Amino acid sequence: MRKKTSATATAAATTVKSTSHAQDYRQEHQKDMVNRLRRIEGQVRGLVDMIESGRSCEEVATQMSATRKAMEKAFYRMMTCSLIEAVHESETDEQAIIEVSRSARLMEKFA
């Protein structure tokens, strides 16, 4: 009976540690995403300024390309977070596979 209690306590501690790690990851990810989106927002404001000041189409297009790439990176980071959360929250391997497949379909649809 003592071993059973110890095993239960170990499992509970692992779950708490794992949940805490997942929450830490999510908070870190949210900060990262907000910072990325704020930088992108600044890039978009810069684009408006470039157009209003009469900069060349080539210069504006170059900056647009950089902004688009920044959005793509943010998208893939968000999808990665979604995938990590889905797998972490899965209770079985089968459920994890379903969640990975779902995330792959989303990436195919939006990428």
N, C-alpha and C. Protein backbone atom coordinates (compact mmCIF):
# COMPACT_ATOMS: atom_id res chain seq x y z
N MET A 1 0.82 -1.19 0.00
CA MET A 1 0.00 0.00 0.00
C MET A 1 0.87 1.25 0.00
N ARG A 2 1.98 1.20 0.62
CA ARG A 2 2.86 2.35 0.67
C ARG A 2 3.39 2.69 -0.71
N LYS A 3 3.74 1.66 -1.51
CA LYS A 3 4.25 1.91 -2.85
C LYS A 3 3.18 2.56 -3.72
N LYS A 4 1.94 2.14 -3.56
CA LYS A 4 0.84 2.70 -4.34
C LYS A 4 0.69 4.18 -4.04
N THR A 5 0.73 4.55 -2.77
CA THR A 5 0.63 5.95 -2.39
C THR A 5 1.80 6.74 -2.96
N SER A 6 2.99 6.17 -2.88
CA SER A 6 4.17 6.83 -3.42
C SER A 6 4.06 7.03 -4.93
N ALA A 7 3.57 6.01 -5.63
CA ALA A 7 3.40 6.11 -7.08
C ALA A 7 2.37 7.17 -7.43
N THR A 8 1.29 7.23 -6.65
CA THR A 8 0.25 8.23 -6.88
C THR A 8 0.81 9.63 -6.64
N ALA A 9 1.57 9.78 -5.57
CA ALA A 9 2.18 11.08 -5.27
C ALA A 9 3.15 11.49 -6.36
N THR A 10 3.93 10.55 -6.87
CA THR A 10 4.87 10.84 -7.95
C THR A 10 4.13 11.27 -9.22
N ALA A 11 3.07 10.56 -9.53
CA ALA A 11 2.28 10.90 -10.72
C ALA A 11 1.66 12.28 -10.56
N ALA A 12 1.14 12.58 -9.37
CA ALA A 12 0.55 13.90 -9.13
C ALA A 12 1.59 15.00 -9.23
N ALA A 13 2.77 14.76 -8.68
CA ALA A 13 3.85 15.76 -8.75
C ALA A 13 4.29 15.98 -10.19
N THR A 14 4.35 14.91 -10.97
CA THR A 14 4.72 15.01 -12.38
C THR A 14 3.68 15.83 -13.14
N THR A 15 2.40 15.59 -12.86
CA THR A 15 1.32 16.32 -13.51
C THR A 15 1.40 17.81 -13.17
N VAL A 16 1.61 18.12 -11.88
CA VAL A 16 1.71 19.52 -11.47
C VAL A 16 2.91 20.17 -12.14
N LYS A 17 4.06 19.50 -12.14
CA LYS A 17 5.26 20.04 -12.78
C LYS A 17 5.04 20.24 -14.27
N SER A 18 4.41 19.26 -14.92
CA SER A 18 4.13 19.33 -16.34
C SER A 18 3.16 20.47 -16.64
N THR A 19 2.13 20.61 -15.82
CA THR A 19 1.15 21.68 -16.02
C THR A 19 1.81 23.03 -15.82
N SER A 20 2.64 23.13 -14.81
CA SER A 20 3.36 24.38 -14.54
C SER A 20 4.26 24.73 -15.72
N HIS A 21 4.96 23.74 -16.25
CA HIS A 21 5.83 23.96 -17.40
C HIS A 21 5.03 24.43 -18.61
N ALA A 22 3.87 23.82 -18.82
CA ALA A 22 3.01 24.21 -19.94
C ALA A 22 2.51 25.64 -19.77
N GLN A 23 2.15 26.01 -18.55
CA GLN A 23 1.69 27.38 -18.29
C GLN A 23 2.81 28.37 -18.50
N ASP A 24 4.03 28.03 -18.06
CA ASP A 24 5.18 28.90 -18.27
C ASP A 24 5.44 29.08 -19.75
N TYR A 25 5.36 27.98 -20.50
CA TYR A 25 5.59 28.05 -21.95
C TYR A 25 4.54 28.96 -22.59
N ARG A 26 3.30 28.79 -22.19
CA ARG A 26 2.21 29.59 -22.78
C ARG A 26 2.42 31.07 -22.50
N GLN A 27 2.78 31.43 -21.28
CA GLN A 27 3.01 32.83 -20.93
C GLN A 27 4.18 33.41 -21.73
N GLU A 28 5.25 32.63 -21.85
CA GLU A 28 6.41 33.07 -22.63
C GLU A 28 6.02 33.24 -24.10
N HIS A 29 5.24 32.30 -24.61
CA HIS A 29 4.79 32.36 -26.00
C HIS A 29 3.92 33.60 -26.24
N GLN A 30 3.02 33.88 -25.31
CA GLN A 30 2.14 35.03 -25.47
C GLN A 30 2.95 36.33 -25.52
N LYS A 31 3.93 36.47 -24.64
CA LYS A 31 4.78 37.66 -24.65
C LYS A 31 5.51 37.78 -25.99
N ASP A 32 6.05 36.66 -26.46
CA ASP A 32 6.76 36.65 -27.74
C ASP A 32 5.84 37.06 -28.88
N MET A 33 4.63 36.53 -28.90
CA MET A 33 3.69 36.86 -29.98
C MET A 33 3.28 38.32 -29.94
N VAL A 34 3.01 38.84 -28.77
CA VAL A 34 2.64 40.25 -28.66
C VAL A 34 3.78 41.13 -29.15
N ASN A 35 5.00 40.81 -28.77
CA ASN A 35 6.16 41.59 -29.23
C ASN A 35 6.31 41.51 -30.75
N ARG A 36 6.15 40.32 -31.31
CA ARG A 36 6.25 40.17 -32.77
C ARG A 36 5.18 41.00 -33.47
N LEU A 37 3.95 40.92 -32.98
CA LEU A 37 2.86 41.65 -33.62
C LEU A 37 3.04 43.17 -33.48
N ARG A 38 3.59 43.61 -32.38
CA ARG A 38 3.86 45.05 -32.23
C ARG A 38 4.94 45.51 -33.21
N ARG A 39 5.95 44.68 -33.41
CA ARG A 39 6.98 45.03 -34.41
C ARG A 39 6.36 45.09 -35.81
N ILE A 40 5.50 44.12 -36.11
CA ILE A 40 4.83 44.10 -37.41
C ILE A 40 3.94 45.34 -37.56
N GLU A 41 3.26 45.68 -36.50
CA GLU A 41 2.42 46.89 -36.52
C GLU A 41 3.27 48.12 -36.86
N GLY A 42 4.45 48.19 -36.28
CA GLY A 42 5.37 49.29 -36.59
C GLY A 42 5.82 49.26 -38.04
N GLN A 43 6.04 48.05 -38.56
CA GLN A 43 6.42 47.93 -39.97
C GLN A 43 5.30 48.42 -40.87
N VAL A 44 4.06 48.10 -40.53
CA VAL A 44 2.92 48.53 -41.35
C VAL A 44 2.79 50.05 -41.29
N ARG A 45 2.94 50.64 -40.10
CA ARG A 45 2.92 52.10 -40.00
C ARG A 45 4.03 52.71 -40.84
N GLY A 46 5.19 52.06 -40.84
CA GLY A 46 6.30 52.52 -41.66
C GLY A 46 5.95 52.47 -43.15
N LEU A 47 5.25 51.45 -43.56
CA LEU A 47 4.81 51.34 -44.96
C LEU A 47 3.91 52.51 -45.34
N VAL A 48 2.96 52.84 -44.47
CA VAL A 48 2.07 53.96 -44.74
C VAL A 48 2.88 55.24 -44.88
N ASP A 49 3.82 55.44 -43.97
CA ASP A 49 4.68 56.64 -44.05
C ASP A 49 5.48 56.66 -45.34
N MET A 50 6.01 55.51 -45.75
CA MET A 50 6.79 55.43 -46.98
C MET A 50 5.94 55.84 -48.19
N ILE A 51 4.72 55.34 -48.23
CA ILE A 51 3.83 55.65 -49.36
C ILE A 51 3.46 57.12 -49.34
N GLU A 52 3.11 57.63 -48.16
CA GLU A 52 2.72 59.04 -48.05
C GLU A 52 3.87 59.99 -48.37
N SER A 53 5.09 59.56 -48.11
CA SER A 53 6.24 60.43 -48.40
C SER A 53 6.76 60.27 -49.82
N GLY A 54 6.11 59.39 -50.61
CA GLY A 54 6.46 59.26 -52.02
C GLY A 54 7.67 58.38 -52.30
N ARG A 55 7.99 57.46 -51.40
CA ARG A 55 9.11 56.54 -51.64
C ARG A 55 8.81 55.69 -52.86
N SER A 56 9.86 55.16 -53.46
CA SER A 56 9.68 54.39 -54.69
C SER A 56 8.90 53.10 -54.43
N CYS A 57 8.23 52.64 -55.48
CA CYS A 57 7.45 51.40 -55.38
C CYS A 57 8.35 50.24 -54.99
N GLU A 58 9.57 50.21 -55.49
CA GLU A 58 10.49 49.13 -55.17
C GLU A 58 10.84 49.12 -53.68
N GLU A 59 11.08 50.30 -53.12
CA GLU A 59 11.40 50.38 -51.69
C GLU A 59 10.20 49.92 -50.84
N VAL A 60 9.01 50.36 -51.23
CA VAL A 60 7.80 49.97 -50.50
C VAL A 60 7.59 48.46 -50.62
N ALA A 61 7.75 47.94 -51.83
CA ALA A 61 7.56 46.50 -52.04
C ALA A 61 8.55 45.68 -51.22
N THR A 62 9.78 46.15 -51.12
CA THR A 62 10.80 45.46 -50.32
C THR A 62 10.37 45.41 -48.86
N GLN A 63 9.87 46.54 -48.36
CA GLN A 63 9.42 46.57 -46.96
C GLN A 63 8.16 45.72 -46.77
N MET A 64 7.29 45.70 -47.77
CA MET A 64 6.10 44.85 -47.70
C MET A 64 6.49 43.39 -47.61
N SER A 65 7.49 43.01 -48.36
CA SER A 65 7.96 41.63 -48.34
C SER A 65 8.47 41.26 -46.95
N ALA A 66 9.23 42.16 -46.35
CA ALA A 66 9.75 41.90 -45.00
C ALA A 66 8.60 41.77 -44.00
N THR A 67 7.59 42.61 -44.14
CA THR A 67 6.43 42.57 -43.24
C THR A 67 5.66 41.28 -43.42
N ARG A 68 5.49 40.87 -44.67
CA ARG A 68 4.78 39.62 -44.95
C ARG A 68 5.53 38.43 -44.33
N LYS A 69 6.84 38.42 -44.47
CA LYS A 69 7.63 37.33 -43.90
C LYS A 69 7.53 37.31 -42.37
N ALA A 70 7.49 38.48 -41.77
CA ALA A 70 7.35 38.55 -40.32
C ALA A 70 6.00 37.96 -39.89
N MET A 71 4.95 38.24 -40.65
CA MET A 71 3.63 37.67 -40.35
C MET A 71 3.64 36.15 -40.52
N GLU A 72 4.32 35.68 -41.55
CA GLU A 72 4.40 34.23 -41.76
C GLU A 72 5.11 33.55 -40.60
N LYS A 73 6.21 34.15 -40.13
CA LYS A 73 6.92 33.59 -38.98
C LYS A 73 6.03 33.57 -37.75
N ALA A 74 5.28 34.65 -37.53
CA ALA A 74 4.37 34.71 -36.39
C ALA A 74 3.30 33.62 -36.50
N PHE A 75 2.79 33.42 -37.71
CA PHE A 75 1.80 32.37 -37.94
C PHE A 75 2.36 31.00 -37.58
N TYR A 76 3.56 30.69 -38.05
CA TYR A 76 4.14 29.37 -37.77
C TYR A 76 4.45 29.20 -36.29
N ARG A 77 4.86 30.28 -35.62
CA ARG A 77 5.08 30.20 -34.18
C ARG A 77 3.77 29.91 -33.45
N MET A 78 2.68 30.54 -33.90
CA MET A 78 1.38 30.32 -33.28
C MET A 78 0.93 28.88 -33.51
N MET A 79 1.13 28.38 -34.70
CA MET A 79 0.75 26.99 -35.00
C MET A 79 1.59 26.01 -34.18
N THR A 80 2.85 26.32 -33.97
CA THR A 80 3.71 25.47 -33.16
C THR A 80 3.19 25.41 -31.73
N CYS A 81 2.81 26.55 -31.19
CA CYS A 81 2.25 26.61 -29.84
C CYS A 81 0.97 25.78 -29.77
N SER A 82 0.12 25.93 -30.77
CA SER A 82 -1.13 25.17 -30.82
C SER A 82 -0.85 23.67 -30.81
N LEU A 83 0.13 23.27 -31.58
CA LEU A 83 0.50 21.86 -31.67
C LEU A 83 1.04 21.34 -30.34
N ILE A 84 1.92 22.10 -29.72
CA ILE A 84 2.49 21.71 -28.43
C ILE A 84 1.39 21.56 -27.39
N GLU A 85 0.48 22.52 -27.35
CA GLU A 85 -0.62 22.44 -26.39
C GLU A 85 -1.51 21.23 -26.65
N ALA A 86 -1.82 20.99 -27.91
CA ALA A 86 -2.69 19.86 -28.25
C ALA A 86 -2.07 18.54 -27.83
N VAL A 87 -0.80 18.36 -28.09
CA VAL A 87 -0.13 17.11 -27.73
C VAL A 87 -0.02 17.00 -26.21
N HIS A 88 0.31 18.11 -25.56
CA HIS A 88 0.45 18.10 -24.11
C HIS A 88 -0.86 17.73 -23.42
N GLU A 89 -1.96 18.21 -23.96
CA GLU A 89 -3.26 17.98 -23.35
C GLU A 89 -3.87 16.63 -23.73
N SER A 90 -3.28 15.96 -24.71
CA SER A 90 -3.80 14.65 -25.13
C SER A 90 -3.55 13.62 -24.04
N GLU A 91 -4.55 12.80 -23.82
CA GLU A 91 -4.43 11.78 -22.78
C GLU A 91 -3.95 10.44 -23.33
N THR A 92 -4.06 10.27 -24.67
CA THR A 92 -3.62 9.02 -25.28
C THR A 92 -2.79 9.33 -26.52
N ASP A 93 -2.04 8.35 -26.97
CA ASP A 93 -1.28 8.52 -28.21
C ASP A 93 -2.22 8.75 -29.39
N GLU A 94 -3.34 8.04 -29.39
CA GLU A 94 -4.32 8.19 -30.48
C GLU A 94 -4.84 9.63 -30.55
N GLN A 95 -5.15 10.17 -29.40
CA GLN A 95 -5.64 11.55 -29.35
C GLN A 95 -4.55 12.52 -29.81
N ALA A 96 -3.30 12.27 -29.43
CA ALA A 96 -2.19 13.12 -29.86
C ALA A 96 -2.04 13.09 -31.38
N ILE A 97 -2.17 11.91 -31.97
CA ILE A 97 -2.06 11.77 -33.43
C ILE A 97 -3.19 12.54 -34.12
N ILE A 98 -4.38 12.48 -33.57
CA ILE A 98 -5.52 13.21 -34.13
C ILE A 98 -5.24 14.71 -34.08
N GLU A 99 -4.71 15.18 -32.97
CA GLU A 99 -4.42 16.61 -32.82
C GLU A 99 -3.30 17.06 -33.76
N VAL A 100 -2.29 16.24 -33.92
CA VAL A 100 -1.20 16.57 -34.86
C VAL A 100 -1.75 16.64 -36.28
N SER A 101 -2.59 15.69 -36.66
CA SER A 101 -3.21 15.70 -37.99
C SER A 101 -4.06 16.95 -38.19
N ARG A 102 -4.81 17.32 -37.17
CA ARG A 102 -5.65 18.52 -37.25
C ARG A 102 -4.78 19.76 -37.47
N SER A 103 -3.69 19.86 -36.73
CA SER A 103 -2.78 21.01 -36.88
C SER A 103 -2.14 21.02 -38.27
N ALA A 104 -1.80 19.85 -38.77
CA ALA A 104 -1.21 19.77 -40.12
C ALA A 104 -2.21 20.26 -41.16
N ARG A 105 -3.47 19.90 -41.01
CA ARG A 105 -4.51 20.37 -41.96
C ARG A 105 -4.64 21.89 -41.90
N LEU A 106 -4.59 22.45 -40.70
CA LEU A 106 -4.67 23.90 -40.55
C LEU A 106 -3.49 24.59 -41.24
N MET A 107 -2.30 24.04 -41.06
CA MET A 107 -1.13 24.63 -41.71
C MET A 107 -1.24 24.54 -43.22
N GLU A 108 -1.73 23.42 -43.73
CA GLU A 108 -1.92 23.28 -45.18
C GLU A 108 -2.95 24.28 -45.68
N LYS A 109 -3.99 24.50 -44.90
CA LYS A 109 -5.06 25.40 -45.31
C LYS A 109 -4.59 26.86 -45.33
N PHE A 110 -3.85 27.27 -44.33
CA PHE A 110 -3.50 28.67 -44.18
C PHE A 110 -2.09 29.04 -44.66
N ALA A 111 -1.26 28.05 -44.89
CA ALA A 111 0.12 28.35 -45.28
C ALA A 111 0.22 28.62 -46.78
